[in-house]
Amino acid sequence: MADTSKDFDWRKDCGYNKIFQYRVEWGRGPDEPWESVGIPSGVLSRINKRCKGRFGWHFNVVDKTKIAYITFERRRDAGLFGLLRSKY
């Protein structure tokens, strides 16, 4: 999977493989193909603009299931993202 973190002007210490305390699961699916579970770049761009604290995203593979996570430094950012997810 391509590293989209170079496509945007990310805030300092934010982006791909940056992991913070508060985690929101974006989606899950089969490990292959990698595109089966992804986080749209538009969502990440809006998080980059709206969050007060740092954030990141990463993927884990457990028992042949890929899980996409978005993590936040601030609990409030994670909570607001969870509540307003459909607007991101």
C-alpha atoms as a PDB file:
ATOM      1  CA  MET A   1       0.000   0.000   0.000  1.00  0.00           C
ATOM      2  CA  ALA A   2       1.307   3.428  -0.879  1.00  0.00           C
ATOM      3  CA  ASP A   3       2.285   5.794   1.903  1.00  0.00           C
ATOM      4  CA  THR A   4      -0.180   8.683   1.472  1.00  0.00           C
ATOM      5  CA  SER A   5       1.455  10.669   4.270  1.00  0.00           C
ATOM      6  CA  LYS A   6       3.628  12.446   1.678  1.00  0.00           C
ATOM      7  CA  ASP A   7       0.586  13.735  -0.259  1.00  0.00           C
ATOM      8  CA  PHE A   8      -0.488  16.285   2.359  1.00  0.00           C
ATOM      9  CA  ASP A   9       1.072  18.968   4.494  1.00  0.00           C
ATOM     10  CA  TRP A  10       0.744  17.096   7.798  1.00  0.00           C
ATOM     11  CA  ARG A  11       1.191  18.863  11.077  1.00  0.00           C
ATOM     12  CA  LYS A  12       4.381  18.078  12.969  1.00  0.00           C
ATOM     13  CA  ASP A  13       4.445  14.578  14.479  1.00  0.00           C
ATOM     14  CA  CYS A  14       1.209  13.497  12.757  1.00  0.00           C
ATOM     15  CA  GLY A  15       0.689  10.939   9.996  1.00  0.00           C
ATOM     16  CA  TYR A  16       1.182   7.324   9.022  1.00  0.00           C
ATOM     17  CA  ASN A  17       2.494   4.989  11.748  1.00  0.00           C
ATOM     18  CA  LYS A  18       2.191   7.689  14.414  1.00  0.00           C
ATOM     19  CA  ILE A  19       0.456   5.964  17.324  1.00  0.00           C
ATOM     20  CA  PHE A  20      -1.200   7.774  20.225  1.00  0.00           C
ATOM     21  CA  GLN A  21      -3.143   6.749  23.320  1.00  0.00           C
ATOM     22  CA  TYR A  22      -6.748   7.085  22.076  1.00  0.00           C
ATOM     23  CA  ARG A  23      -7.619   4.668  19.294  1.00  0.00           C
ATOM     24  CA  VAL A  24     -10.641   4.490  16.994  1.00  0.00           C
ATOM     25  CA  GLU A  25     -11.102   1.501  14.713  1.00  0.00           C
ATOM     26  CA  TRP A  26     -11.899   2.684  11.204  1.00  0.00           C
ATOM     27  CA  GLY A  27     -12.561  -0.677   9.590  1.00  0.00           C
ATOM     28  CA  ARG A  28     -11.495  -4.276   9.161  1.00  0.00           C
ATOM     29  CA  GLY A  29     -11.355  -6.816   6.401  1.00  0.00           C
ATOM     30  CA  PRO A  30      -9.278  -9.543   4.792  1.00  0.00           C
ATOM     31  CA  ASP A  31      -5.522  -9.020   4.792  1.00  0.00           C
ATOM     32  CA  GLU A  32      -5.344  -9.410   1.008  1.00  0.00           C
ATOM     33  CA  PRO A  33      -5.690  -7.260  -1.001  1.00  0.00           C
ATOM     34  CA  TRP A  34      -4.316  -4.376   1.042  1.00  0.00           C
ATOM     35  CA  GLU A  35      -6.837  -2.000  -0.509  1.00  0.00           C
ATOM     36  CA  SER A  36      -9.705  -3.925   1.120  1.00  0.00           C
ATOM     37  CA  VAL A  37      -9.421  -1.810   4.262  1.00  0.00           C
ATOM     38  CA  GLY A  38      -8.210   1.735   3.991  1.00  0.00           C
ATOM     39  CA  ILE A  39      -8.787   5.192   5.355  1.00  0.00           C
ATOM     40  CA  PRO A  40      -9.828   7.694   2.671  1.00  0.00           C
ATOM     41  CA  SER A  41      -7.365  10.527   2.212  1.00  0.00           C
ATOM     42  CA  GLY A  42     -10.201  13.055   2.509  1.00  0.00           C
ATOM     43  CA  VAL A  43     -10.962  11.802   6.026  1.00  0.00           C
ATOM     44  CA  LEU A  44      -7.324  12.118   7.035  1.00  0.00           C
ATOM     45  CA  SER A  45      -7.113  15.594   5.524  1.00  0.00           C
ATOM     46  CA  ARG A  46     -10.158  16.765   7.499  1.00  0.00           C
ATOM     47  CA  ILE A  47      -8.763  15.280  10.720  1.00  0.00           C
ATOM     48  CA  ASN A  48      -5.509  17.108   9.981  1.00  0.00           C
ATOM     49  CA  LYS A  49      -7.441  20.395   9.802  1.00  0.00           C
ATOM     50  CA  ARG A  50      -9.925  19.866  12.652  1.00  0.00           C
ATOM     51  CA  CYS A  51      -8.057  18.124  15.477  1.00  0.00           C
ATOM     52  CA  LYS A  52      -6.365  20.193  18.148  1.00  0.00           C
ATOM     53  CA  GLY A  53      -3.858  17.506  19.159  1.00  0.00           C
ATOM     54  CA  ARG A  54      -1.645  15.141  17.226  1.00  0.00           C
ATOM     55  CA  PHE A  55      -3.047  12.120  15.396  1.00  0.00           C
ATOM     56  CA  GLY A  56      -1.911   9.203  13.291  1.00  0.00           C
ATOM     57  CA  TRP A  57      -3.087   6.059  11.581  1.00  0.00           C
ATOM     58  CA  HIS A  58      -1.792   2.555  11.224  1.00  0.00           C
ATOM     59  CA  PHE A  59      -2.810  -0.988  10.324  1.00  0.00           C
ATOM     60  CA  ASN A  60      -2.580  -4.230  12.285  1.00  0.00           C
ATOM     61  CA  VAL A  61      -3.056  -7.739  10.955  1.00  0.00           C
ATOM     62  CA  VAL A  62      -4.555 -10.267  13.368  1.00  0.00           C
ATOM     63  CA  ASP A  63      -5.546 -13.775  12.259  1.00  0.00           C
ATOM     64  CA  LYS A  64      -5.497 -12.771   8.564  1.00  0.00           C
ATOM     65  CA  THR A  65      -7.746  -9.769   9.265  1.00  0.00           C
ATOM     66  CA  LYS A  66      -6.428  -6.270   8.629  1.00  0.00           C
ATOM     67  CA  ILE A  67      -7.629  -3.576  11.022  1.00  0.00           C
ATOM     68  CA  ALA A  68      -7.309   0.144  10.242  1.00  0.00           C
ATOM     69  CA  TYR A  69      -6.901   2.449  13.247  1.00  0.00           C
ATOM     70  CA  ILE A  70      -6.837   6.198  13.668  1.00  0.00           C
ATOM     71  CA  THR A  71      -5.226   7.291  16.918  1.00  0.00           C
ATOM     72  CA  PHE A  72      -5.389  10.595  18.736  1.00  0.00           C
ATOM     73  CA  GLU A  73      -3.271  12.292  21.354  1.00  0.00           C
ATOM     74  CA  ARG A  74      -6.296  13.975  22.932  1.00  0.00           C
ATOM     75  CA  ARG A  75      -9.287  12.082  24.260  1.00  0.00           C
ATOM     76  CA  ARG A  76     -11.590  14.888  23.153  1.00  0.00           C
ATOM     77  CA  ASP A  77     -10.415  14.648  19.523  1.00  0.00           C
ATOM     78  CA  ALA A  78     -11.028  10.881  19.547  1.00  0.00           C
ATOM     79  CA  GLY A  79     -14.469  11.343  21.074  1.00  0.00           C
ATOM     80  CA  LEU A  80     -15.494  14.051  18.635  1.00  0.00           C
ATOM     81  CA  PHE A  81     -14.234  12.000  15.710  1.00  0.00           C
ATOM     82  CA  GLY A  82     -16.239   9.016  16.931  1.00  0.00           C
ATOM     83  CA  LEU A  83     -19.393  11.098  17.296  1.00  0.00           C
ATOM     84  CA  LEU A  84     -19.005  13.022  14.043  1.00  0.00           C
ATOM     85  CA  ARG A  85     -17.456  10.241  11.962  1.00  0.00           C
ATOM     86  CA  SER A  86     -20.082  10.470   9.212  1.00  0.00           C
ATOM     87  CA  LYS A  87     -19.161  14.145   8.684  1.00  0.00           C
ATOM     88  CA  TYR A  88     -15.453  13.415   8.193  1.00  0.00           C
END
